[in-house]
């Protein structure tokens, strides 16, 4: 199993719209994530969002990122998330500080 942790930041006042968009997740994106066996949960702390995702391998993440729906979804979500100067969502990778059980990498 390959696990990732990311943090993103909401644009001010955009949480309700962010939540609505995820509650109405595009079927094409849902299908792509399911086909690559990706599981994900996102937690909120103030204006920060913490993503924890798992996949069978790093290659599954690559396949999702290369799928045609991903750039369209990211552009859609860039409307409610902080972006860099080129308009790309700022995803900050989180280093793993502790792992137990199936999350341990031996």
PDB file of N, CA and C in Angstrom:
ATOM      1  N   UNK A   1       0.833  -1.175   0.000  1.00  0.00           N
ATOM      2  CA  UNK A   1       0.000   0.000   0.000  1.00  0.00           C
ATOM      3  C   UNK A   1       0.883   1.245   0.000  1.00  0.00           C
ATOM      4  N   UNK A   2       0.446   2.243  -0.745  1.00  0.00           N
ATOM      5  CA  UNK A   2       1.143   3.517  -0.822  1.00  0.00           C
ATOM      6  C   UNK A   2       0.227   4.578  -0.225  1.00  0.00           C
ATOM      7  N   UNK A   3       0.733   5.306   0.748  1.00  0.00           N
ATOM      8  CA  UNK A   3      -0.057   6.292   1.468  1.00  0.00           C
ATOM      9  C   UNK A   3       0.516   7.682   1.232  1.00  0.00           C
ATOM     10  N   UNK A   4      -0.365   8.685   1.074  1.00  0.00           N
ATOM     11  CA  UNK A   4       0.072  10.064   0.906  1.00  0.00           C
ATOM     12  C   UNK A   4      -0.664  10.969   1.881  1.00  0.00           C
ATOM     13  N   UNK A   5       0.004  12.046   2.265  1.00  0.00           N
ATOM     14  CA  UNK A   5      -0.599  13.095   3.072  1.00  0.00           C
ATOM     15  C   UNK A   5      -0.304  14.427   2.409  1.00  0.00           C
ATOM     16  N   UNK A   6      -1.331  15.234   2.257  1.00  0.00           N
ATOM     17  CA  UNK A   6      -1.196  16.540   1.617  1.00  0.00           C
ATOM     18  C   UNK A   6      -1.988  17.567   2.415  1.00  0.00           C
ATOM     19  N   UNK A   7      -1.587  18.814   2.294  1.00  0.00           N
ATOM     20  CA  UNK A   7      -2.367  19.904   2.868  1.00  0.00           C
ATOM     21  C   UNK A   7      -2.623  20.942   1.779  1.00  0.00           C
ATOM     22  N   UNK A   8      -3.827  21.500   1.809  1.00  0.00           N
ATOM     23  CA  UNK A   8      -4.239  22.571   0.903  1.00  0.00           C
ATOM     24  C   UNK A   8      -4.897  23.647   1.757  1.00  0.00           C
ATOM     25  N   UNK A   9      -5.072  24.818   1.179  1.00  0.00           N
ATOM     26  CA  UNK A   9      -5.722  25.897   1.925  1.00  0.00           C
ATOM     27  C   UNK A   9      -6.889  26.448   1.115  1.00  0.00           C
ATOM     28  N   UNK A  10      -8.013  26.623   1.793  1.00  0.00           N
ATOM     29  CA  UNK A  10      -9.195  27.187   1.159  1.00  0.00           C
ATOM     30  C   UNK A  10      -9.027  28.682   0.929  1.00  0.00           C
ATOM     31  N   UNK A  11      -9.640  29.187  -0.119  1.00  0.00           N
ATOM     32  CA  UNK A  11      -9.777  30.628  -0.270  1.00  0.00           C
ATOM     33  C   UNK A  11     -10.798  31.073   0.780  1.00  0.00           C
ATOM     34  N   UNK A  12     -10.674  32.283   1.286  1.00  0.00           N
ATOM     35  CA  UNK A  12     -11.601  32.747   2.334  1.00  0.00           C
ATOM     36  C   UNK A  12     -13.064  32.615   1.926  1.00  0.00           C
ATOM     37  N   UNK A  13     -13.857  32.056   2.849  1.00  0.00           N
ATOM     38  CA  UNK A  13     -15.289  31.930   2.641  1.00  0.00           C
ATOM     39  C   UNK A  13     -15.722  30.867   1.658  1.00  0.00           C
ATOM     40  N   UNK A  14     -14.836  29.965   1.277  1.00  0.00           N
ATOM     41  CA  UNK A  14     -15.146  28.989   0.225  1.00  0.00           C
ATOM     42  C   UNK A  14     -15.428  27.576   0.727  1.00  0.00           C
ATOM     43  N   UNK A  15     -15.463  27.353   2.035  1.00  0.00           N
ATOM     44  CA  UNK A  15     -15.630  25.977   2.505  1.00  0.00           C
ATOM     45  C   UNK A  15     -16.952  25.360   2.034  1.00  0.00           C
ATOM     46  N   UNK A  16     -18.041  26.077   2.172  1.00  0.00           N
ATOM     47  CA  UNK A  16     -19.340  25.495   1.808  1.00  0.00           C
ATOM     48  C   UNK A  16     -19.358  25.062   0.341  1.00  0.00           C
ATOM     49  N   UNK A  17     -18.784  25.882  -0.528  1.00  0.00           N
ATOM     50  CA  UNK A  17     -18.732  25.514  -1.952  1.00  0.00           C
ATOM     51  C   UNK A  17     -17.791  24.337  -2.172  1.00  0.00           C
ATOM     52  N   UNK A  18     -16.649  24.330  -1.479  1.00  0.00           N
ATOM     53  CA  UNK A  18     -15.716  23.200  -1.564  1.00  0.00           C
ATOM     54  C   UNK A  18     -16.436  21.912  -1.172  1.00  0.00           C
ATOM     55  N   UNK A  19     -17.139  21.958  -0.056  1.00  0.00           N
ATOM     56  CA  UNK A  19     -17.852  20.774   0.450  1.00  0.00           C
ATOM     57  C   UNK A  19     -18.929  20.336  -0.545  1.00  0.00           C
ATOM     58  N   UNK A  20     -19.696  21.297  -1.077  1.00  0.00           N
ATOM     59  CA  UNK A  20     -20.739  20.961  -2.041  1.00  0.00           C
ATOM     60  C   UNK A  20     -20.153  20.256  -3.256  1.00  0.00           C
ATOM     61  N   UNK A  21     -19.019  20.756  -3.756  1.00  0.00           N
ATOM     62  CA  UNK A  21     -18.400  20.148  -4.937  1.00  0.00           C
ATOM     63  C   UNK A  21     -17.949  18.718  -4.657  1.00  0.00           C
ATOM     64  N   UNK A  22     -17.467  18.456  -3.474  1.00  0.00           N
ATOM     65  CA  UNK A  22     -17.064  17.087  -3.142  1.00  0.00           C
ATOM     66  C   UNK A  22     -18.272  16.193  -2.869  1.00  0.00           C
ATOM     67  N   UNK A  23     -19.330  16.762  -2.296  1.00  0.00           N
ATOM     68  CA  UNK A  23     -20.556  15.981  -2.099  1.00  0.00           C
ATOM     69  C   UNK A  23     -21.162  15.572  -3.445  1.00  0.00           C
ATOM     70  N   UNK A  24     -20.898  16.380  -4.472  1.00  0.00           N
ATOM     71  CA  UNK A  24     -21.378  16.106  -5.831  1.00  0.00           C
ATOM     72  C   UNK A  24     -20.217  15.679  -6.730  1.00  0.00           C
ATOM     73  N   UNK A  25     -19.344  14.825  -6.203  1.00  0.00           N
ATOM     74  CA  UNK A  25     -18.154  14.378  -6.939  1.00  0.00           C
ATOM     75  C   UNK A  25     -18.545  13.878  -8.327  1.00  0.00           C
ATOM     76  N   UNK A  26     -17.798  14.318  -9.317  1.00  0.00           N
ATOM     77  CA  UNK A  26     -18.076  13.909 -10.691  1.00  0.00           C
ATOM     78  C   UNK A  26     -17.975  12.380 -10.817  1.00  0.00           C
ATOM     79  N   UNK A  27     -18.967  11.751 -11.448  1.00  0.00           N
ATOM     80  CA  UNK A  27     -18.907  10.298 -11.641  1.00  0.00           C
ATOM     81  C   UNK A  27     -17.636   9.842 -12.364  1.00  0.00           C
ATOM     82  N   UNK A  28     -17.157  10.619 -13.321  1.00  0.00           N
ATOM     83  CA  UNK A  28     -15.945  10.247 -14.064  1.00  0.00           C
ATOM     84  C   UNK A  28     -14.734  10.194 -13.124  1.00  0.00           C
ATOM     85  N   UNK A  29     -14.650  11.129 -12.187  1.00  0.00           N
ATOM     86  CA  UNK A  29     -13.545  11.125 -11.227  1.00  0.00           C
ATOM     87  C   UNK A  29     -13.701   9.968 -10.233  1.00  0.00           C
ATOM     88  N   UNK A  30     -14.908   9.758  -9.773  1.00  0.00           N
ATOM     89  CA  UNK A  30     -15.175   8.635  -8.870  1.00  0.00           C
ATOM     90  C   UNK A  30     -14.797   7.309  -9.527  1.00  0.00           C
ATOM     91  N   UNK A  31     -15.164   7.150 -10.786  1.00  0.00           N
ATOM     92  CA  UNK A  31     -14.834   5.919 -11.523  1.00  0.00           C
ATOM     93  C   UNK A  31     -13.325   5.757 -11.658  1.00  0.00           C
ATOM     94  N   UNK A  32     -12.620   6.838 -11.980  1.00  0.00           N
ATOM     95  CA  UNK A  32     -11.163   6.766 -12.133  1.00  0.00           C
ATOM     96  C   UNK A  32     -10.515   6.371 -10.804  1.00  0.00           C
ATOM     97  N   UNK A  33     -10.933   7.000  -9.714  1.00  0.00           N
ATOM     98  CA  UNK A  33     -10.353   6.674  -8.405  1.00  0.00           C
ATOM     99  C   UNK A  33     -10.632   5.214  -8.038  1.00  0.00           C
ATOM    100  N   UNK A  34     -11.840   4.763  -8.297  1.00  0.00           N
ATOM    101  CA  UNK A  34     -12.197   3.370  -8.010  1.00  0.00           C
ATOM    102  C   UNK A  34     -11.375   2.417  -8.867  1.00  0.00           C
ATOM    103  N   UNK A  35     -11.206   2.736 -10.148  1.00  0.00           N
ATOM    104  CA  UNK A  35     -10.482   1.829 -11.043  1.00  0.00           C
ATOM    105  C   UNK A  35      -9.006   1.711 -10.669  1.00  0.00           C
ATOM    106  N   UNK A  36      -8.438   2.757 -10.022  1.00  0.00           N
ATOM    107  CA  UNK A  36      -7.042   2.703  -9.588  1.00  0.00           C
ATOM    108  C   UNK A  36      -6.920   2.306  -8.114  1.00  0.00           C
ATOM    109  N   UNK A  37      -8.048   1.886  -7.515  1.00  0.00           N
ATOM    110  CA  UNK A  37      -8.094   1.437  -6.109  1.00  0.00           C
ATOM    111  C   UNK A  37      -7.575   2.501  -5.144  1.00  0.00           C
ATOM    112  N   UNK A  38      -7.989   3.736  -5.376  1.00  0.00           N
ATOM    113  CA  UNK A  38      -7.577   4.837  -4.517  1.00  0.00           C
ATOM    114  C   UNK A  38      -8.659   5.112  -3.483  1.00  0.00           C
ATOM    115  N   UNK A  39      -8.225   5.248  -2.247  1.00  0.00           N
ATOM    116  CA  UNK A  39      -9.099   5.623  -1.135  1.00  0.00           C
ATOM    117  C   UNK A  39      -8.603   6.963  -0.615  1.00  0.00           C
ATOM    118  N   UNK A  40      -9.546   7.810  -0.195  1.00  0.00           N
ATOM    119  CA  UNK A  40      -9.137   9.137   0.242  1.00  0.00           C
ATOM    120  C   UNK A  40     -10.104   9.655   1.288  1.00  0.00           C
ATOM    121  N   UNK A  41      -9.548  10.401   2.234  1.00  0.00           N
ATOM    122  CA  UNK A  41     -10.345  11.139   3.205  1.00  0.00           C
ATOM    123  C   UNK A  41      -9.700  12.513   3.343  1.00  0.00           C
ATOM    124  N   UNK A  42     -10.548  13.532   3.510  1.00  0.00           N
ATOM    125  CA  UNK A  42     -10.058  14.900   3.661  1.00  0.00           C
ATOM    126  C   UNK A  42     -10.635  15.462   4.948  1.00  0.00           C
ATOM    127  N   UNK A  43      -9.760  16.007   5.780  1.00  0.00           N
ATOM    128  CA  UNK A  43     -10.157  16.615   7.044  1.00  0.00           C
ATOM    129  C   UNK A  43      -9.947  18.117   6.966  1.00  0.00           C
ATOM    130  N   UNK A  44     -10.772  18.839   7.701  1.00  0.00           N
ATOM    131  CA  UNK A  44     -10.670  20.303   7.720  1.00  0.00           C
ATOM    132  C   UNK A  44     -10.243  20.773   9.097  1.00  0.00           C
ATOM    133  N   UNK A  45      -9.341  21.748   9.116  1.00  0.00           N
ATOM    134  CA  UNK A  45      -8.946  22.435  10.332  1.00  0.00           C
ATOM    135  C   UNK A  45      -8.850  23.910   9.967  1.00  0.00           C
ATOM    136  N   UNK A  46      -9.865  24.679  10.326  1.00  0.00           N
ATOM    137  CA  UNK A  46      -9.916  26.078   9.914  1.00  0.00           C
ATOM    138  C   UNK A  46     -10.005  26.161   8.400  1.00  0.00           C
ATOM    139  N   UNK A  47      -9.077  26.874   7.808  1.00  0.00           N
ATOM    140  CA  UNK A  47      -9.050  27.020   6.353  1.00  0.00           C
ATOM    141  C   UNK A  47      -8.122  26.009   5.682  1.00  0.00           C
ATOM    142  N   UNK A  48      -7.564  25.094   6.473  1.00  0.00           N
ATOM    143  CA  UNK A  48      -6.657  24.080   5.923  1.00  0.00           C
ATOM    144  C   UNK A  48      -7.378  22.751   5.750  1.00  0.00           C
ATOM    145  N   UNK A  49      -7.043  22.069   4.675  1.00  0.00           N
ATOM    146  CA  UNK A  49      -7.595  20.754   4.364  1.00  0.00           C
ATOM    147  C   UNK A  49      -6.453  19.744   4.330  1.00  0.00           C
ATOM    148  N   UNK A  50      -6.635  18.656   5.036  1.00  0.00           N
ATOM    149  CA  UNK A  50      -5.616  17.619   5.122  1.00  0.00           C
ATOM    150  C   UNK A  50      -6.123  16.370   4.413  1.00  0.00           C
ATOM    151  N   UNK A  51      -5.400  15.972   3.403  1.00  0.00           N
ATOM    152  CA  UNK A  51      -5.768  14.818   2.581  1.00  0.00           C
ATOM    153  C   UNK A  51      -4.951  13.614   3.040  1.00  0.00           C
ATOM    154  N   UNK A  52      -5.631  12.509   3.277  1.00  0.00           N
ATOM    155  CA  UNK A  52      -4.940  11.235   3.480  1.00  0.00           C
ATOM    156  C   UNK A  52      -5.483  10.284   2.437  1.00  0.00           C
ATOM    157  N   UNK A  53      -4.595   9.761   1.616  1.00  0.00           N
ATOM    158  CA  UNK A  53      -5.007   8.851   0.563  1.00  0.00           C
ATOM    159  C   UNK A  53      -4.162   7.600   0.543  1.00  0.00           C
ATOM    160  N   UNK A  54      -4.778   6.509   0.134  1.00  0.00           N
ATOM    161  CA  UNK A  54      -4.045   5.256  -0.036  1.00  0.00           C
ATOM    162  C   UNK A  54      -4.334   4.686  -1.423  1.00  0.00           C
ATOM    163  N   UNK A  55      -3.344   3.984  -1.926  1.00  0.00           N
ATOM    164  CA  UNK A  55      -3.441   3.312  -3.226  1.00  0.00           C
ATOM    165  C   UNK A  55      -2.546   2.080  -3.172  1.00  0.00           C
ATOM    166  N   UNK A  56      -2.737   1.141  -4.082  1.00  0.00           N
ATOM    167  CA  UNK A  56      -1.908  -0.064  -4.072  1.00  0.00           C
ATOM    168  C   UNK A  56      -0.431   0.222  -4.309  1.00  0.00           C
ATOM    169  N   UNK A  57      -0.140   1.322  -5.037  1.00  0.00           N
ATOM    170  CA  UNK A  57       1.252   1.641  -5.379  1.00  0.00           C
ATOM    171  C   UNK A  57       1.351   3.109  -5.766  1.00  0.00           C
ATOM    172  N   UNK A  58       2.577   3.581  -5.861  1.00  0.00           N
ATOM    173  CA  UNK A  58       2.797   4.930  -6.357  1.00  0.00           C
ATOM    174  C   UNK A  58       2.335   5.078  -7.797  1.00  0.00           C
ATOM    175  N   UNK A  59       2.402   3.990  -8.559  1.00  0.00           N
ATOM    176  CA  UNK A  59       1.969   4.018  -9.951  1.00  0.00           C
ATOM    177  C   UNK A  59       0.477   4.335 -10.065  1.00  0.00           C
ATOM    178  N   UNK A  60      -0.329   3.893  -9.104  1.00  0.00           N
ATOM    179  CA  UNK A  60      -1.763   4.191  -9.139  1.00  0.00           C
ATOM    180  C   UNK A  60      -1.990   5.698  -9.026  1.00  0.00           C
ATOM    181  N   UNK A  61      -1.212   6.373  -8.186  1.00  0.00           N
ATOM    182  CA  UNK A  61      -1.309   7.833  -8.078  1.00  0.00           C
ATOM    183  C   UNK A  61      -0.915   8.488  -9.399  1.00  0.00           C
ATOM    184  N   UNK A  62       0.129   7.988 -10.022  1.00  0.00           N
ATOM    185  CA  UNK A  62       0.571   8.530 -11.307  1.00  0.00           C
ATOM    186  C   UNK A  62      -0.527   8.368 -12.350  1.00  0.00           C
ATOM    187  N   UNK A  63      -1.148   7.201 -12.388  1.00  0.00           N
ATOM    188  CA  UNK A  63      -2.213   6.957 -13.357  1.00  0.00           C
ATOM    189  C   UNK A  63      -3.384   7.906 -13.131  1.00  0.00           C
ATOM    190  N   UNK A  64      -3.745   8.144 -11.860  1.00  0.00           N
ATOM    191  CA  UNK A  64      -4.836   9.073 -11.582  1.00  0.00           C
ATOM    192  C   UNK A  64      -4.455  10.482 -12.027  1.00  0.00           C
ATOM    193  N   UNK A  65      -3.240  10.897 -11.713  1.00  0.00           N
ATOM    194  CA  UNK A  65      -2.802  12.241 -12.087  1.00  0.00           C
ATOM    195  C   UNK A  65      -2.742  12.427 -13.606  1.00  0.00           C
ATOM    196  N   UNK A  66      -2.515  11.350 -14.348  1.00  0.00           N
ATOM    197  CA  UNK A  66      -2.444  11.417 -15.808  1.00  0.00           C
ATOM    198  C   UNK A  66      -3.801  11.213 -16.486  1.00  0.00           C
ATOM    199  N   UNK A  67      -4.813  10.849 -15.707  1.00  0.00           N
ATOM    200  CA  UNK A  67      -6.143  10.631 -16.273  1.00  0.00           C
ATOM    201  C   UNK A  67      -6.718  11.974 -16.739  1.00  0.00           C
ATOM    202  N   UNK A  68      -7.428  12.007 -17.876  1.00  0.00           N
ATOM    203  CA  UNK A  68      -7.947  13.276 -18.405  1.00  0.00           C
ATOM    204  C   UNK A  68      -8.870  14.048 -17.450  1.00  0.00           C
ATOM    205  N   UNK A  69      -9.553  13.371 -16.535  1.00  0.00           N
ATOM    206  CA  UNK A  69     -10.466  14.075 -15.639  1.00  0.00           C
ATOM    207  C   UNK A  69      -9.720  14.895 -14.576  1.00  0.00           C
ATOM    208  N   UNK A  70      -8.511  14.482 -14.225  1.00  0.00           N
ATOM    209  CA  UNK A  70      -7.807  15.117 -13.109  1.00  0.00           C
ATOM    210  C   UNK A  70      -7.496  16.591 -13.358  1.00  0.00           C
ATOM    211  N   UNK A  71      -6.921  16.975 -14.486  1.00  0.00           N
ATOM    212  CA  UNK A  71      -6.675  18.411 -14.679  1.00  0.00           C
ATOM    213  C   UNK A  71      -7.967  19.238 -14.729  1.00  0.00           C
ATOM    214  N   UNK A  72      -9.041  18.659 -15.244  1.00  0.00           N
ATOM    215  CA  UNK A  72     -10.320  19.379 -15.282  1.00  0.00           C
ATOM    216  C   UNK A  72     -10.851  19.583 -13.861  1.00  0.00           C
ATOM    217  N   UNK A  73     -10.761  18.539 -13.029  1.00  0.00           N
ATOM    218  CA  UNK A  73     -11.199  18.636 -11.634  1.00  0.00           C
ATOM    219  C   UNK A  73     -10.334  19.652 -10.887  1.00  0.00           C
ATOM    220  N   UNK A  74      -9.031  19.602 -11.097  1.00  0.00           N
ATOM    221  CA  UNK A  74      -8.147  20.541 -10.401  1.00  0.00           C
ATOM    222  C   UNK A  74      -8.441  21.982 -10.797  1.00  0.00           C
ATOM    223  N   UNK A  75      -8.735  22.232 -12.067  1.00  0.00           N
ATOM    224  CA  UNK A  75      -9.087  23.586 -12.507  1.00  0.00           C
ATOM    225  C   UNK A  75     -10.392  24.039 -11.841  1.00  0.00           C
ATOM    226  N   UNK A  76     -11.352  23.144 -11.744  1.00  0.00           N
ATOM    227  CA  UNK A  76     -12.634  23.413 -11.090  1.00  0.00           C
ATOM    228  C   UNK A  76     -12.417  23.740  -9.610  1.00  0.00           C
ATOM    229  N   UNK A  77     -11.568  22.962  -8.947  1.00  0.00           N
ATOM    230  CA  UNK A  77     -11.329  23.170  -7.518  1.00  0.00           C
ATOM    231  C   UNK A  77     -10.420  24.364  -7.248  1.00  0.00           C
ATOM    232  N   UNK A  78      -9.646  24.795  -8.237  1.00  0.00           N
ATOM    233  CA  UNK A  78      -8.787  25.969  -8.067  1.00  0.00           C
ATOM    234  C   UNK A  78      -9.615  27.228  -7.811  1.00  0.00           C
ATOM    235  N   UNK A  79     -10.896  27.177  -8.143  1.00  0.00           N
ATOM    236  CA  UNK A  79     -11.776  28.312  -7.866  1.00  0.00           C
ATOM    237  C   UNK A  79     -11.990  28.515  -6.363  1.00  0.00           C
ATOM    238  N   UNK A  80     -11.819  27.473  -5.560  1.00  0.00           N
ATOM    239  CA  UNK A  80     -12.102  27.557  -4.118  1.00  0.00           C
ATOM    240  C   UNK A  80     -10.874  27.281  -3.244  1.00  0.00           C
ATOM    241  N   UNK A  81      -9.746  26.937  -3.875  1.00  0.00           N
ATOM    242  CA  UNK A  81      -8.513  26.641  -3.137  1.00  0.00           C
ATOM    243  C   UNK A  81      -7.431  27.646  -3.509  1.00  0.00           C
ATOM    244  N   UNK A  82      -6.518  27.874  -2.588  1.00  0.00           N
ATOM    245  CA  UNK A  82      -5.399  28.781  -2.876  1.00  0.00           C
ATOM    246  C   UNK A  82      -4.524  28.154  -3.952  1.00  0.00           C
ATOM    247  N   UNK A  83      -4.042  29.025  -4.835  1.00  0.00           N
ATOM    248  CA  UNK A  83      -3.243  28.583  -5.976  1.00  0.00           C
ATOM    249  C   UNK A  83      -1.942  29.374  -6.042  1.00  0.00           C
ATOM    250  N   UNK A  84      -1.018  28.877  -6.858  1.00  0.00           N
ATOM    251  CA  UNK A  84       0.225  29.600  -7.090  1.00  0.00           C
ATOM    252  C   UNK A  84      -0.005  30.641  -8.195  1.00  0.00           C
ATOM    253  N   UNK A  85       1.063  31.336  -8.578  1.00  0.00           N
ATOM    254  CA  UNK A  85       0.953  32.408  -9.571  1.00  0.00           C
ATOM    255  C   UNK A  85       0.484  31.918 -10.937  1.00  0.00           C
ATOM    256  N   UNK A  86       0.642  30.623 -11.215  1.00  0.00           N
ATOM    257  CA  UNK A  86       0.182  30.094 -12.503  1.00  0.00           C
ATOM    258  C   UNK A  86      -1.231  29.512 -12.420  1.00  0.00           C
ATOM    259  N   UNK A  87      -1.879  29.627 -11.254  1.00  0.00           N
ATOM    260  CA  UNK A  87      -3.252  29.148 -11.109  1.00  0.00           C
ATOM    261  C   UNK A  87      -3.370  27.689 -10.709  1.00  0.00           C
ATOM    262  N   UNK A  88      -2.259  27.046 -10.380  1.00  0.00           N
ATOM    263  CA  UNK A  88      -2.283  25.638  -9.961  1.00  0.00           C
ATOM    264  C   UNK A  88      -2.517  25.551  -8.459  1.00  0.00           C
ATOM    265  N   UNK A  89      -3.336  24.603  -8.039  1.00  0.00           N
ATOM    266  CA  UNK A  89      -3.586  24.400  -6.607  1.00  0.00           C
ATOM    267  C   UNK A  89      -2.263  24.138  -5.906  1.00  0.00           C
ATOM    268  N   UNK A  90      -2.107  24.754  -4.740  1.00  0.00           N
ATOM    269  CA  UNK A  90      -0.912  24.520  -3.938  1.00  0.00           C
ATOM    270  C   UNK A  90      -1.163  23.292  -3.070  1.00  0.00           C
ATOM    271  N   UNK A  91      -0.511  22.198  -3.410  1.00  0.00           N
ATOM    272  CA  UNK A  91      -0.536  20.967  -2.620  1.00  0.00           C
ATOM    273  C   UNK A  91       0.801  20.875  -1.900  1.00  0.00           C
ATOM    274  N   UNK A  92       0.783  20.832  -0.592  1.00  0.00           N
ATOM    275  CA  UNK A  92       2.013  20.670   0.173  1.00  0.00           C
ATOM    276  C   UNK A  92       2.064  19.226   0.666  1.00  0.00           C
ATOM    277  N   UNK A  93       3.074  18.475   0.258  1.00  0.00           N
ATOM    278  CA  UNK A  93       3.222  17.094   0.732  1.00  0.00           C
ATOM    279  C   UNK A  93       3.611  17.100   2.202  1.00  0.00           C
ATOM    280  N   UNK A  94       3.027  16.190   2.940  1.00  0.00           N
ATOM    281  CA  UNK A  94       3.322  16.070   4.359  1.00  0.00           C
ATOM    282  C   UNK A  94       4.230  14.872   4.596  1.00  0.00           C
ATOM    283  N   UNK A  95       5.339  15.071   5.293  1.00  0.00           N
ATOM    284  CA  UNK A  95       6.194  13.927   5.602  1.00  0.00           C
ATOM    285  C   UNK A  95       5.532  13.063   6.672  1.00  0.00           C
ATOM    286  N   UNK A  96       5.676  11.784   6.527  1.00  0.00           N
ATOM    287  CA  UNK A  96       5.100  10.860   7.504  1.00  0.00           C
ATOM    288  C   UNK A  96       5.908  10.934   8.797  1.00  0.00           C
ATOM    289  N   UNK A  97       5.225  11.171   9.904  1.00  0.00           N
ATOM    290  CA  UNK A  97       5.878  11.277  11.210  1.00  0.00           C
ATOM    291  C   UNK A  97       5.754   9.986  12.014  1.00  0.00           C
ATOM    292  N   UNK A  98       4.736   9.174  11.730  1.00  0.00           N
ATOM    293  CA  UNK A  98       4.526   7.920  12.460  1.00  0.00           C
ATOM    294  C   UNK A  98       3.641   7.020  11.621  1.00  0.00           C
ATOM    295  N   UNK A  99       3.878   5.741  11.711  1.00  0.00           N
ATOM    296  CA  UNK A  99       3.037   4.763  11.029  1.00  0.00           C
ATOM    297  C   UNK A  99       2.943   3.508  11.883  1.00  0.00           C
ATOM    298  N   UNK A 100       1.776   2.889  11.854  1.00  0.00           N
ATOM    299  CA  UNK A 100       1.546   1.655  12.581  1.00  0.00           C
ATOM    300  C   UNK A 100       0.666   0.756  11.724  1.00  0.00           C
ATOM    301  N   UNK A 101       0.779  -0.529  11.940  1.00  0.00           N
ATOM    302  CA  UNK A 101      -0.053  -1.485  11.229  1.00  0.00           C
ATOM    303  C   UNK A 101       0.201  -1.464   9.731  1.00  0.00           C
ATOM    304  N   UNK A 102      -0.887  -1.442   8.975  1.00  0.00           N
ATOM    305  CA  UNK A 102      -0.749  -1.531   7.519  1.00  0.00           C
ATOM    306  C   UNK A 102      -0.066  -0.307   6.916  1.00  0.00           C
ATOM    307  N   UNK A 103       0.095   0.752   7.675  1.00  0.00           N
ATOM    308  CA  UNK A 103       0.752   1.949   7.170  1.00  0.00           C
ATOM    309  C   UNK A 103       2.271   1.901   7.324  1.00  0.00           C
ATOM    310  N   UNK A 104       2.777   0.940   8.085  1.00  0.00           N
ATOM    311  CA  UNK A 104       4.241   0.828   8.274  1.00  0.00           C
ATOM    312  C   UNK A 104       4.905   0.411   6.990  1.00  0.00           C
ATOM    313  N   UNK A 105       6.030   1.033   6.735  1.00  0.00           N
ATOM    314  CA  UNK A 105       6.854   0.655   5.583  1.00  0.00           C
ATOM    315  C   UNK A 105       8.117   0.026   6.147  1.00  0.00           C
ATOM    316  N   UNK A 106       8.262  -1.262   5.975  1.00  0.00           N
ATOM    317  CA  UNK A 106       9.449  -1.957   6.501  1.00  0.00           C
ATOM    318  C   UNK A 106      10.497  -2.089   5.437  1.00  0.00           C
TER     319      UNK A 106
END
